[in-house]
Amino acid sequence: MAIYYSEPNYLKADHQGHLDDLHSRLDNADLHIYGQQDSPHQDVSNTVQFLELARLAGLIYPSSVSGDFSGRSPQIDSWTRLALDILATFNSCLYPFSLIIIGCEIDRDED
């Protein structure tokens, strides 16, 4: 659960511990697909890209809503740029959570 940095529980060690654990797990996530050896290579590749998109959205969201900063974050900008690069390779994306989170970080019409 993400809490805004202005809320009283934000500085509590257990909340920060949960955020740190989530960040670590997402940052080190293994994006292999098990049991799909017989699938065409492109299907597996697309699935891995969709998983990476969800992973990036999962990193962006708690950092964005719970971050103790004002303005733009270079780390969030980097994750957003990676996500946009992945999205550019697809004709469509059926994962609204990822699209909404990434879309909220875009501030240029070109993106």
PDB file of N, CA and C in Angstrom:
ATOM      1  N   MET A   1       0.838  -1.166   0.000  1.00  0.00           N
ATOM      2  CA  MET A   1       0.000   0.000   0.000  1.00  0.00           C
ATOM      3  C   MET A   1       0.889   1.237   0.000  1.00  0.00           C
ATOM      4  N   ALA A   2       0.600   2.172  -0.859  1.00  0.00           N
ATOM      5  CA  ALA A   2       1.345   3.418  -0.928  1.00  0.00           C
ATOM      6  C   ALA A   2       0.629   4.491  -0.114  1.00  0.00           C
ATOM      7  N   ILE A   3       1.409   5.267   0.601  1.00  0.00           N
ATOM      8  CA  ILE A   3       0.865   6.387   1.354  1.00  0.00           C
ATOM      9  C   ILE A   3       1.592   7.638   0.874  1.00  0.00           C
ATOM     10  N   TYR A   4       0.889   8.737   0.791  1.00  0.00           N
ATOM     11  CA  TYR A   4       1.522   9.993   0.408  1.00  0.00           C
ATOM     12  C   TYR A   4       2.498  10.427   1.492  1.00  0.00           C
ATOM     13  N   TYR A   5       3.582  11.066   1.085  1.00  0.00           N
ATOM     14  CA  TYR A   5       4.616  11.446   2.038  1.00  0.00           C
ATOM     15  C   TYR A   5       4.118  12.458   3.067  1.00  0.00           C
ATOM     16  N   SER A   6       2.989  13.108   2.819  1.00  0.00           N
ATOM     17  CA  SER A   6       2.442  14.075   3.772  1.00  0.00           C
ATOM     18  C   SER A   6       1.641  13.404   4.893  1.00  0.00           C
ATOM     19  N   GLU A   7       1.331  12.126   4.748  1.00  0.00           N
ATOM     20  CA  GLU A   7       0.560  11.428   5.776  1.00  0.00           C
ATOM     21  C   GLU A   7       1.464  11.043   6.943  1.00  0.00           C
ATOM     22  N   PRO A   8       0.904  10.997   8.159  1.00  0.00           N
ATOM     23  CA  PRO A   8       1.721  10.734   9.347  1.00  0.00           C
ATOM     24  C   PRO A   8       2.437   9.379   9.335  1.00  0.00           C
ATOM     25  N   ASN A   9       1.842   8.368   8.726  1.00  0.00           N
ATOM     26  CA  ASN A   9       2.460   7.036   8.729  1.00  0.00           C
ATOM     27  C   ASN A   9       3.610   6.894   7.741  1.00  0.00           C
ATOM     28  N   TYR A  10       3.827   7.919   6.907  1.00  0.00           N
ATOM     29  CA  TYR A  10       4.840   7.819   5.857  1.00  0.00           C
ATOM     30  C   TYR A  10       6.227   7.547   6.426  1.00  0.00           C
ATOM     31  N   LEU A  11       6.571   8.194   7.502  1.00  0.00           N
ATOM     32  CA  LEU A  11       7.919   8.064   8.046  1.00  0.00           C
ATOM     33  C   LEU A  11       8.095   6.851   8.945  1.00  0.00           C
ATOM     34  N   LYS A  12       7.047   6.122   9.189  1.00  0.00           N
ATOM     35  CA  LYS A  12       7.171   4.938  10.035  1.00  0.00           C
ATOM     36  C   LYS A  12       8.043   3.898   9.346  1.00  0.00           C
ATOM     37  N   ALA A  13       8.856   3.257  10.131  1.00  0.00           N
ATOM     38  CA  ALA A  13       9.828   2.294   9.598  1.00  0.00           C
ATOM     39  C   ALA A  13       9.155   1.132   8.875  1.00  0.00           C
ATOM     40  N   ASP A  14       8.019   0.663   9.381  1.00  0.00           N
ATOM     41  CA  ASP A  14       7.382  -0.485   8.730  1.00  0.00           C
ATOM     42  C   ASP A  14       6.862  -0.114   7.339  1.00  0.00           C
ATOM     43  N   HIS A  15       6.328   1.086   7.167  1.00  0.00           N
ATOM     44  CA  HIS A  15       5.871   1.508   5.838  1.00  0.00           C
ATOM     45  C   HIS A  15       7.059   1.646   4.886  1.00  0.00           C
ATOM     46  N   GLN A  16       8.113   2.286   5.339  1.00  0.00           N
ATOM     47  CA  GLN A  16       9.304   2.425   4.503  1.00  0.00           C
ATOM     48  C   GLN A  16       9.897   1.058   4.176  1.00  0.00           C
ATOM     49  N   GLY A  17       9.839   0.146   5.137  1.00  0.00           N
ATOM     50  CA  GLY A  17      10.323  -1.211   4.898  1.00  0.00           C
ATOM     51  C   GLY A  17       9.529  -1.919   3.817  1.00  0.00           C
ATOM     52  N   HIS A  18       8.205  -1.746   3.837  1.00  0.00           N
ATOM     53  CA  HIS A  18       7.356  -2.343   2.794  1.00  0.00           C
ATOM     54  C   HIS A  18       7.686  -1.767   1.421  1.00  0.00           C
ATOM     55  N   LEU A  19       7.854  -0.449   1.355  1.00  0.00           N
ATOM     56  CA  LEU A  19       8.201   0.184   0.079  1.00  0.00           C
ATOM     57  C   LEU A  19       9.564  -0.285  -0.419  1.00  0.00           C
ATOM     58  N   ASP A  20      10.530  -0.362   0.490  1.00  0.00           N
ATOM     59  CA  ASP A  20      11.871  -0.823   0.106  1.00  0.00           C
ATOM     60  C   ASP A  20      11.835  -2.267  -0.373  1.00  0.00           C
ATOM     61  N   ASP A  21      11.051  -3.110   0.319  1.00  0.00           N
ATOM     62  CA  ASP A  21      10.930  -4.514  -0.083  1.00  0.00           C
ATOM     63  C   ASP A  21      10.274  -4.637  -1.453  1.00  0.00           C
ATOM     64  N   LEU A  22       9.206  -3.884  -1.676  1.00  0.00           N
ATOM     65  CA  LEU A  22       8.531  -3.902  -2.974  1.00  0.00           C
ATOM     66  C   LEU A  22       9.480  -3.456  -4.077  1.00  0.00           C
ATOM     67  N   HIS A  23      10.191  -2.374  -3.838  1.00  0.00           N
ATOM     68  CA  HIS A  23      11.136  -1.870  -4.836  1.00  0.00           C
ATOM     69  C   HIS A  23      12.206  -2.916  -5.135  1.00  0.00           C
ATOM     70  N   SER A  24      12.748  -3.533  -4.109  1.00  0.00           N
ATOM     71  CA  SER A  24      13.786  -4.548  -4.298  1.00  0.00           C
ATOM     72  C   SER A  24      13.264  -5.746  -5.081  1.00  0.00           C
ATOM     73  N   ARG A  25      12.071  -6.212  -4.731  1.00  0.00           N
ATOM     74  CA  ARG A  25      11.506  -7.374  -5.427  1.00  0.00           C
ATOM     75  C   ARG A  25      11.226  -7.071  -6.891  1.00  0.00           C
ATOM     76  N   LEU A  26      10.702  -5.885  -7.179  1.00  0.00           N
ATOM     77  CA  LEU A  26      10.437  -5.510  -8.572  1.00  0.00           C
ATOM     78  C   LEU A  26      11.730  -5.241  -9.335  1.00  0.00           C
ATOM     79  N   ASP A  27      12.681  -4.623  -8.657  1.00  0.00           N
ATOM     80  CA  ASP A  27      13.954  -4.303  -9.304  1.00  0.00           C
ATOM     81  C   ASP A  27      14.717  -5.569  -9.681  1.00  0.00           C
ATOM     82  N   ASN A  28      14.553  -6.622  -8.896  1.00  0.00           N
ATOM     83  CA  ASN A  28      15.275  -7.873  -9.130  1.00  0.00           C
ATOM     84  C   ASN A  28      14.386  -8.980  -9.682  1.00  0.00           C
ATOM     85  N   ALA A  29      13.234  -8.625 -10.208  1.00  0.00           N
ATOM     86  CA  ALA A  29      12.291  -9.629 -10.710  1.00  0.00           C
ATOM     87  C   ALA A  29      12.890 -10.414 -11.870  1.00  0.00           C
ATOM     88  N   ASP A  30      12.644 -11.712 -11.855  1.00  0.00           N
ATOM     89  CA  ASP A  30      13.081 -12.614 -12.918  1.00  0.00           C
ATOM     90  C   ASP A  30      11.947 -12.714 -13.929  1.00  0.00           C
ATOM     91  N   LEU A  31      12.176 -12.216 -15.138  1.00  0.00           N
ATOM     92  CA  LEU A  31      11.111 -12.149 -16.135  1.00  0.00           C
ATOM     93  C   LEU A  31      11.121 -13.324 -17.097  1.00  0.00           C
ATOM     94  N   HIS A  32      11.505 -14.478 -16.617  1.00  0.00           N
ATOM     95  CA  HIS A  32      11.458 -15.675 -17.457  1.00  0.00           C
ATOM     96  C   HIS A  32      10.052 -16.262 -17.423  1.00  0.00           C
ATOM     97  N   ILE A  33       9.670 -16.879 -18.524  1.00  0.00           N
ATOM     98  CA  ILE A  33       8.368 -17.537 -18.610  1.00  0.00           C
ATOM     99  C   ILE A  33       8.620 -19.032 -18.566  1.00  0.00           C
ATOM    100  N   TYR A  34       8.079 -19.672 -17.557  1.00  0.00           N
ATOM    101  CA  TYR A  34       8.304 -21.091 -17.383  1.00  0.00           C
ATOM    102  C   TYR A  34       7.170 -21.888 -18.010  1.00  0.00           C
ATOM    103  N   GLY A  35       7.494 -23.021 -18.603  1.00  0.00           N
ATOM    104  CA  GLY A  35       6.491 -23.899 -19.178  1.00  0.00           C
ATOM    105  C   GLY A  35       6.000 -23.464 -20.540  1.00  0.00           C
ATOM    106  N   GLN A  36       6.709 -22.573 -21.206  1.00  0.00           N
ATOM    107  CA  GLN A  36       6.278 -22.070 -22.515  1.00  0.00           C
ATOM    108  C   GLN A  36       7.327 -22.357 -23.589  1.00  0.00           C
ATOM    109  N   GLN A  37       8.099 -23.405 -23.421  1.00  0.00           N
ATOM    110  CA  GLN A  37       9.164 -23.709 -24.363  1.00  0.00           C
ATOM    111  C   GLN A  37       8.640 -23.993 -25.768  1.00  0.00           C
ATOM    112  N   ASP A  38       7.406 -24.492 -25.890  1.00  0.00           N
ATOM    113  CA  ASP A  38       6.854 -24.844 -27.195  1.00  0.00           C
ATOM    114  C   ASP A  38       6.174 -23.669 -27.894  1.00  0.00           C
ATOM    115  N   SER A  39       6.062 -22.530 -27.223  1.00  0.00           N
ATOM    116  CA  SER A  39       5.413 -21.369 -27.829  1.00  0.00           C
ATOM    117  C   SER A  39       6.332 -20.736 -28.861  1.00  0.00           C
ATOM    118  N   PRO A  40       5.739 -20.133 -29.884  1.00  0.00           N
ATOM    119  CA  PRO A  40       6.568 -19.420 -30.855  1.00  0.00           C
ATOM    120  C   PRO A  40       7.395 -18.340 -30.160  1.00  0.00           C
ATOM    121  N   HIS A  41       8.596 -18.126 -30.650  1.00  0.00           N
ATOM    122  CA  HIS A  41       9.530 -17.183 -30.030  1.00  0.00           C
ATOM    123  C   HIS A  41       8.912 -15.795 -29.870  1.00  0.00           C
ATOM    124  N   GLN A  42       8.182 -15.316 -30.865  1.00  0.00           N
ATOM    125  CA  GLN A  42       7.602 -13.971 -30.800  1.00  0.00           C
ATOM    126  C   GLN A  42       6.583 -13.859 -29.672  1.00  0.00           C
ATOM    127  N   ASP A  43       5.786 -14.915 -29.444  1.00  0.00           N
ATOM    128  CA  ASP A  43       4.812 -14.888 -28.353  1.00  0.00           C
ATOM    129  C   ASP A  43       5.505 -14.758 -27.006  1.00  0.00           C
ATOM    130  N   VAL A  44       6.574 -15.515 -26.812  1.00  0.00           N
ATOM    131  CA  VAL A  44       7.328 -15.464 -25.559  1.00  0.00           C
ATOM    132  C   VAL A  44       7.970 -14.094 -25.407  1.00  0.00           C
ATOM    133  N   SER A  45       8.550 -13.579 -26.480  1.00  0.00           N
ATOM    134  CA  SER A  45       9.188 -12.266 -26.439  1.00  0.00           C
ATOM    135  C   SER A  45       8.178 -11.177 -26.084  1.00  0.00           C
ATOM    136  N   ASN A  46       6.992 -11.215 -26.691  1.00  0.00           N
ATOM    137  CA  ASN A  46       5.955 -10.232 -26.376  1.00  0.00           C
ATOM    138  C   ASN A  46       5.512 -10.338 -24.924  1.00  0.00           C
ATOM    139  N   THR A  47       5.371 -11.557 -24.436  1.00  0.00           N
ATOM    140  CA  THR A  47       4.957 -11.750 -23.047  1.00  0.00           C
ATOM    141  C   THR A  47       5.994 -11.182 -22.092  1.00  0.00           C
ATOM    142  N   VAL A  48       7.260 -11.413 -22.370  1.00  0.00           N
ATOM    143  CA  VAL A  48       8.326 -10.862 -21.529  1.00  0.00           C
ATOM    144  C   VAL A  48       8.283  -9.335 -21.568  1.00  0.00           C
ATOM    145  N   GLN A  49       8.025  -8.762 -22.730  1.00  0.00           N
ATOM    146  CA  GLN A  49       7.935  -7.300 -22.837  1.00  0.00           C
ATOM    147  C   GLN A  49       6.739  -6.763 -22.043  1.00  0.00           C
ATOM    148  N   PHE A  50       5.606  -7.466 -22.090  1.00  0.00           N
ATOM    149  CA  PHE A  50       4.446  -7.046 -21.301  1.00  0.00           C
ATOM    150  C   PHE A  50       4.743  -7.156 -19.801  1.00  0.00           C
ATOM    151  N   LEU A  51       5.459  -8.207 -19.403  1.00  0.00           N
ATOM    152  CA  LEU A  51       5.853  -8.345 -18.003  1.00  0.00           C
ATOM    153  C   LEU A  51       6.781  -7.211 -17.582  1.00  0.00           C
ATOM    154  N   GLU A  52       7.705  -6.847 -18.454  1.00  0.00           N
ATOM    155  CA  GLU A  52       8.618  -5.737 -18.161  1.00  0.00           C
ATOM    156  C   GLU A  52       7.842  -4.431 -18.033  1.00  0.00           C
ATOM    157  N   LEU A  53       6.851  -4.243 -18.867  1.00  0.00           N
ATOM    158  CA  LEU A  53       6.011  -3.052 -18.791  1.00  0.00           C
ATOM    159  C   LEU A  53       5.286  -2.991 -17.440  1.00  0.00           C
ATOM    160  N   ALA A  54       4.740  -4.105 -17.004  1.00  0.00           N
ATOM    161  CA  ALA A  54       4.063  -4.160 -15.702  1.00  0.00           C
ATOM    162  C   ALA A  54       5.050  -3.942 -14.563  1.00  0.00           C
ATOM    163  N   ARG A  55       6.254  -4.491 -14.697  1.00  0.00           N
ATOM    164  CA  ARG A  55       7.290  -4.294 -13.676  1.00  0.00           C
ATOM    165  C   ARG A  55       7.646  -2.816 -13.558  1.00  0.00           C
ATOM    166  N   LEU A  56       7.840  -2.158 -14.694  1.00  0.00           N
ATOM    167  CA  LEU A  56       8.176  -0.734 -14.679  1.00  0.00           C
ATOM    168  C   LEU A  56       7.044   0.093 -14.071  1.00  0.00           C
ATOM    169  N   ALA A  57       5.801  -0.226 -14.424  1.00  0.00           N
ATOM    170  CA  ALA A  57       4.658   0.477 -13.834  1.00  0.00           C
ATOM    171  C   ALA A  57       4.620   0.248 -12.322  1.00  0.00           C
ATOM    172  N   GLY A  58       4.959  -0.974 -11.906  1.00  0.00           N
ATOM    173  CA  GLY A  58       5.008  -1.289 -10.482  1.00  0.00           C
ATOM    174  C   GLY A  58       6.097  -0.536  -9.746  1.00  0.00           C
ATOM    175  N   LEU A  59       7.178  -0.207 -10.421  1.00  0.00           N
ATOM    176  CA  LEU A  59       8.232   0.615  -9.822  1.00  0.00           C
ATOM    177  C   LEU A  59       7.832   2.091  -9.809  1.00  0.00           C
ATOM    178  N   ILE A  60       7.209   2.526 -10.883  1.00  0.00           N
ATOM    179  CA  ILE A  60       6.846   3.941 -11.014  1.00  0.00           C
ATOM    180  C   ILE A  60       5.784   4.343  -9.996  1.00  0.00           C
ATOM    181  N   TYR A  61       4.724   3.551  -9.876  1.00  0.00           N
ATOM    182  CA  TYR A  61       3.573   3.964  -9.072  1.00  0.00           C
ATOM    183  C   TYR A  61       3.916   4.283  -7.614  1.00  0.00           C
ATOM    184  N   PRO A  62       4.493   3.353  -6.855  1.00  0.00           N
ATOM    185  CA  PRO A  62       4.758   3.700  -5.453  1.00  0.00           C
ATOM    186  C   PRO A  62       5.797   4.807  -5.316  1.00  0.00           C
ATOM    187  N   SER A  63       6.746   4.859  -6.235  1.00  0.00           N
ATOM    188  CA  SER A  63       7.746   5.923  -6.176  1.00  0.00           C
ATOM    189  C   SER A  63       7.107   7.276  -6.450  1.00  0.00           C
ATOM    190  N   SER A  64       6.143   7.295  -7.336  1.00  0.00           N
ATOM    191  CA  SER A  64       5.483   8.548  -7.700  1.00  0.00           C
ATOM    192  C   SER A  64       4.548   9.048  -6.602  1.00  0.00           C
ATOM    193  N   VAL A  65       3.739   8.165  -6.042  1.00  0.00           N
ATOM    194  CA  VAL A  65       2.760   8.609  -5.040  1.00  0.00           C
ATOM    195  C   VAL A  65       3.339   8.695  -3.638  1.00  0.00           C
ATOM    196  N   SER A  66       4.421   7.989  -3.362  1.00  0.00           N
ATOM    197  CA  SER A  66       4.998   8.010  -2.020  1.00  0.00           C
ATOM    198  C   SER A  66       6.347   8.703  -1.973  1.00  0.00           C
ATOM    199  N   GLY A  67       6.809   9.195  -3.087  1.00  0.00           N
ATOM    200  CA  GLY A  67       8.129   9.813  -3.119  1.00  0.00           C
ATOM    201  C   GLY A  67       8.191  11.085  -2.301  1.00  0.00           C
ATOM    202  N   ASP A  68       9.275  11.247  -1.578  1.00  0.00           N
ATOM    203  CA  ASP A  68       9.481  12.440  -0.760  1.00  0.00           C
ATOM    204  C   ASP A  68      10.278  13.451  -1.578  1.00  0.00           C
ATOM    205  N   PHE A  69       9.665  13.948  -2.632  1.00  0.00           N
ATOM    206  CA  PHE A  69      10.329  14.914  -3.502  1.00  0.00           C
ATOM    207  C   PHE A  69       9.262  15.761  -4.177  1.00  0.00           C
ATOM    208  N   SER A  70       9.689  16.858  -4.710  1.00  0.00           N
ATOM    209  CA  SER A  70       8.768  17.665  -5.511  1.00  0.00           C
ATOM    210  C   SER A  70       9.381  17.802  -6.893  1.00  0.00           C
ATOM    211  N   GLY A  71       8.538  17.948  -7.882  1.00  0.00           N
ATOM    212  CA  GLY A  71       9.052  18.047  -9.242  1.00  0.00           C
ATOM    213  C   GLY A  71       9.271  16.678  -9.850  1.00  0.00           C
ATOM    214  N   ARG A  72      10.156  16.611 -10.803  1.00  0.00           N
ATOM    215  CA  ARG A  72      10.417  15.378 -11.543  1.00  0.00           C
ATOM    216  C   ARG A  72      11.515  14.567 -10.861  1.00  0.00           C
ATOM    217  N   SER A  73      11.394  13.253 -10.952  1.00  0.00           N
ATOM    218  CA  SER A  73      12.404  12.342 -10.433  1.00  0.00           C
ATOM    219  C   SER A  73      13.168  11.752 -11.611  1.00  0.00           C
ATOM    220  N   PRO A  74      14.493  11.842 -11.619  1.00  0.00           N
ATOM    221  CA  PRO A  74      15.260  11.241 -12.716  1.00  0.00           C
ATOM    222  C   PRO A  74      15.017   9.736 -12.840  1.00  0.00           C
ATOM    223  N   GLN A  75      14.833   9.044 -11.715  1.00  0.00           N
ATOM    224  CA  GLN A  75      14.596   7.598 -11.758  1.00  0.00           C
ATOM    225  C   GLN A  75      13.245   7.286 -12.396  1.00  0.00           C
ATOM    226  N   ILE A  76      12.215   8.020 -12.003  1.00  0.00           N
ATOM    227  CA  ILE A  76      10.891   7.811 -12.597  1.00  0.00           C
ATOM    228  C   ILE A  76      10.923   8.157 -14.079  1.00  0.00           C
ATOM    229  N   ASP A  77      11.605   9.231 -14.433  1.00  0.00           N
ATOM    230  CA  ASP A  77      11.737   9.596 -15.851  1.00  0.00           C
ATOM    231  C   ASP A  77      12.420   8.491 -16.643  1.00  0.00           C
ATOM    232  N   SER A  78      13.431   7.873 -16.058  1.00  0.00           N
ATOM    233  CA  SER A  78      14.151   6.781 -16.728  1.00  0.00           C
ATOM    234  C   SER A  78      13.244   5.569 -16.928  1.00  0.00           C
ATOM    235  N   TRP A  79      12.511   5.189 -15.886  1.00  0.00           N
ATOM    236  CA  TRP A  79      11.581   4.058 -16.001  1.00  0.00           C
ATOM    237  C   TRP A  79      10.490   4.357 -17.018  1.00  0.00           C
ATOM    238  N   THR A  80       9.999   5.595 -17.015  1.00  0.00           N
ATOM    239  CA  THR A  80       8.953   5.983 -17.961  1.00  0.00           C
ATOM    240  C   THR A  80       9.474   5.906 -19.388  1.00  0.00           C
ATOM    241  N   ARG A  81      10.685   6.365 -19.624  1.00  0.00           N
ATOM    242  CA  ARG A  81      11.283   6.317 -20.960  1.00  0.00           C
ATOM    243  C   ARG A  81      11.434   4.861 -21.412  1.00  0.00           C
ATOM    244  N   LEU A  82      11.891   3.983 -20.532  1.00  0.00           N
ATOM    245  CA  LEU A  82      12.002   2.558 -20.876  1.00  0.00           C
ATOM    246  C   LEU A  82      10.629   1.984 -21.233  1.00  0.00           C
ATOM    247  N   ALA A  83       9.620   2.334 -20.443  1.00  0.00           N
ATOM    248  CA  ALA A  83       8.260   1.840 -20.702  1.00  0.00           C
ATOM    249  C   ALA A  83       7.736   2.355 -22.043  1.00  0.00           C
ATOM    250  N   LEU A  84       7.990   3.611 -22.347  1.00  0.00           N
ATOM    251  CA  LEU A  84       7.546   4.168 -23.630  1.00  0.00           C
ATOM    252  C   LEU A  84       8.248   3.491 -24.799  1.00  0.00           C
ATOM    253  N   ASP A  85       9.520   3.159 -24.619  1.00  0.00           N
ATOM    254  CA  ASP A  85      10.249   2.437 -25.669  1.00  0.00           C
ATOM    255  C   ASP A  85       9.625   1.067 -25.922  1.00  0.00           C
ATOM    256  N   ILE A  86       9.213   0.394 -24.858  1.00  0.00           N
ATOM    257  CA  ILE A  86       8.551  -0.907 -25.003  1.00  0.00           C
ATOM    258  C   ILE A  86       7.194  -0.730 -25.679  1.00  0.00           C
ATOM    259  N   LEU A  87       6.424   0.240 -25.224  1.00  0.00           N
ATOM    260  CA  LEU A  87       5.100   0.478 -25.812  1.00  0.00           C
ATOM    261  C   LEU A  87       5.185   0.790 -27.300  1.00  0.00           C
ATOM    262  N   ALA A  88       6.250   1.435 -27.716  1.00  0.00           N
ATOM    263  CA  ALA A  88       6.413   1.795 -29.131  1.00  0.00           C
ATOM    264  C   ALA A  88       6.539   0.567 -30.026  1.00  0.00           C
ATOM    265  N   THR A  89       6.870  -0.589 -29.444  1.00  0.00           N
ATOM    266  CA  THR A  89       7.031  -1.807 -30.240  1.00  0.00           C
ATOM    267  C   THR A  89       5.722  -2.567 -30.431  1.00  0.00           C
ATOM    268  N   PHE A  90       4.658  -2.151 -29.742  1.00  0.00           N
ATOM    269  CA  PHE A  90       3.380  -2.851 -29.797  1.00  0.00           C
ATOM    270  C   PHE A  90       2.355  -2.085 -30.617  1.00  0.00           C
ATOM    271  N   ASN A  91       1.460  -2.826 -31.248  1.00  0.00           N
ATOM    272  CA  ASN A  91       0.317  -2.214 -31.928  1.00  0.00           C
ATOM    273  C   ASN A  91      -0.772  -1.841 -30.931  1.00  0.00           C
ATOM    274  N   SER A  92      -0.885  -2.616 -29.856  1.00  0.00           N
ATOM    275  CA  SER A  92      -1.881  -2.352 -28.822  1.00  0.00           C
ATOM    276  C   SER A  92      -1.385  -2.947 -27.512  1.00  0.00           C
ATOM    277  N   CYS A  93      -2.001  -2.525 -26.427  1.00  0.00           N
ATOM    278  CA  CYS A  93      -1.651  -3.048 -25.104  1.00  0.00           C
ATOM    279  C   CYS A  93      -2.943  -3.202 -24.314  1.00  0.00           C
ATOM    280  N   LEU A  94      -3.178  -4.399 -23.823  1.00  0.00           N
ATOM    281  CA  LEU A  94      -4.420  -4.696 -23.116  1.00  0.00           C
ATOM    282  C   LEU A  94      -4.262  -4.671 -21.599  1.00  0.00           C
ATOM    283  N   TYR A  95      -3.251  -3.968 -21.108  1.00  0.00           N
ATOM    284  CA  TYR A  95      -2.989  -3.918 -19.676  1.00  0.00           C
ATOM    285  C   TYR A  95      -3.193  -2.494 -19.173  1.00  0.00           C
ATOM    286  N   PRO A  96      -4.437  -2.145 -18.787  1.00  0.00           N
ATOM    287  CA  PRO A  96      -4.747  -0.758 -18.449  1.00  0.00           C
ATOM    288  C   PRO A  96      -3.952  -0.210 -17.266  1.00  0.00           C
ATOM    289  N   PHE A  97      -3.630  -1.030 -16.273  1.00  0.00           N
ATOM    290  CA  PHE A  97      -2.876  -0.520 -15.128  1.00  0.00           C
ATOM    291  C   PHE A  97      -1.562   0.075 -15.597  1.00  0.00           C
ATOM    292  N   SER A  98      -0.834  -0.670 -16.393  1.00  0.00           N
ATOM    293  CA  SER A  98       0.458  -0.186 -16.878  1.00  0.00           C
ATOM    294  C   SER A  98       0.292   1.080 -17.704  1.00  0.00           C
ATOM    295  N   LEU A  99      -0.701   1.099 -18.583  1.00  0.00           N
ATOM    296  CA  LEU A  99      -0.914   2.268 -19.437  1.00  0.00           C
ATOM    297  C   LEU A  99      -1.266   3.509 -18.625  1.00  0.00           C
ATOM    298  N   ILE A 100      -2.113   3.356 -17.627  1.00  0.00           N
ATOM    299  CA  ILE A 100      -2.520   4.504 -16.809  1.00  0.00           C
ATOM    300  C   ILE A 100      -1.335   5.048 -16.025  1.00  0.00           C
ATOM    301  N   ILE A 101      -0.592   4.172 -15.385  1.00  0.00           N
ATOM    302  CA  ILE A 101       0.546   4.608 -14.573  1.00  0.00           C
ATOM    303  C   ILE A 101       1.580   5.309 -15.440  1.00  0.00           C
ATOM    304  N   ILE A 102       1.916   4.715 -16.561  1.00  0.00           N
ATOM    305  CA  ILE A 102       2.917   5.305 -17.455  1.00  0.00           C
ATOM    306  C   ILE A 102       2.380   6.604 -18.056  1.00  0.00           C
ATOM    307  N   GLY A 103       1.111   6.589 -18.453  1.00  0.00           N
ATOM    308  CA  GLY A 103       0.509   7.789 -19.030  1.00  0.00           C
ATOM    309  C   GLY A 103       0.494   8.971 -18.079  1.00  0.00           C
ATOM    310  N   CYS A 104       0.346   8.715 -16.793  1.00  0.00           N
ATOM    311  CA  CYS A 104       0.341   9.802 -15.807  1.00  0.00           C
ATOM    312  C   CYS A 104       1.705  10.482 -15.683  1.00  0.00           C
ATOM    313  N   GLU A 105       2.749   9.824 -16.104  1.00  0.00           N
ATOM    314  CA  GLU A 105       4.097  10.387 -15.999  1.00  0.00           C
ATOM    315  C   GLU A 105       4.529  11.136 -17.253  1.00  0.00           C
ATOM    316  N   ILE A 106       3.726  11.066 -18.293  1.00  0.00           N
ATOM    317  CA  ILE A 106       4.098  11.705 -19.559  1.00  0.00           C
ATOM    318  C   ILE A 106       3.726  13.182 -19.502  1.00  0.00           C
ATOM    319  N   ASP A 107       4.653  14.023 -19.931  1.00  0.00           N
ATOM    320  CA  ASP A 107       4.359  15.454 -19.935  1.00  0.00           C
ATOM    321  C   ASP A 107       4.660  16.119 -21.281  1.00  0.00           C
ATOM    322  N   ARG A 108       4.865  15.299 -22.303  1.00  0.00           N
ATOM    323  CA  ARG A 108       5.120  15.836 -23.645  1.00  0.00           C
ATOM    324  C   ARG A 108       4.146  15.204 -24.632  1.00  0.00           C
ATOM    325  N   ASP A 109       3.645  15.996 -25.553  1.00  0.00           N
ATOM    326  CA  ASP A 109       2.714  15.486 -26.563  1.00  0.00           C
ATOM    327  C   ASP A 109       3.355  14.419 -27.438  1.00  0.00           C
ATOM    328  N   GLU A 110       4.645  14.520 -27.673  1.00  0.00           N
ATOM    329  CA  GLU A 110       5.332  13.557 -28.539  1.00  0.00           C
ATOM    330  C   GLU A 110       5.264  12.140 -27.974  1.00  0.00           C
ATOM    331  N   ASP A 111       5.221  12.027 -26.665  1.00  0.00           N
ATOM    332  CA  ASP A 111       5.192  10.708 -26.028  1.00  0.00           C
ATOM    333  C   ASP A 111       3.802  10.117 -26.116  1.00  0.00           C
TER     334      ASP A 111
END
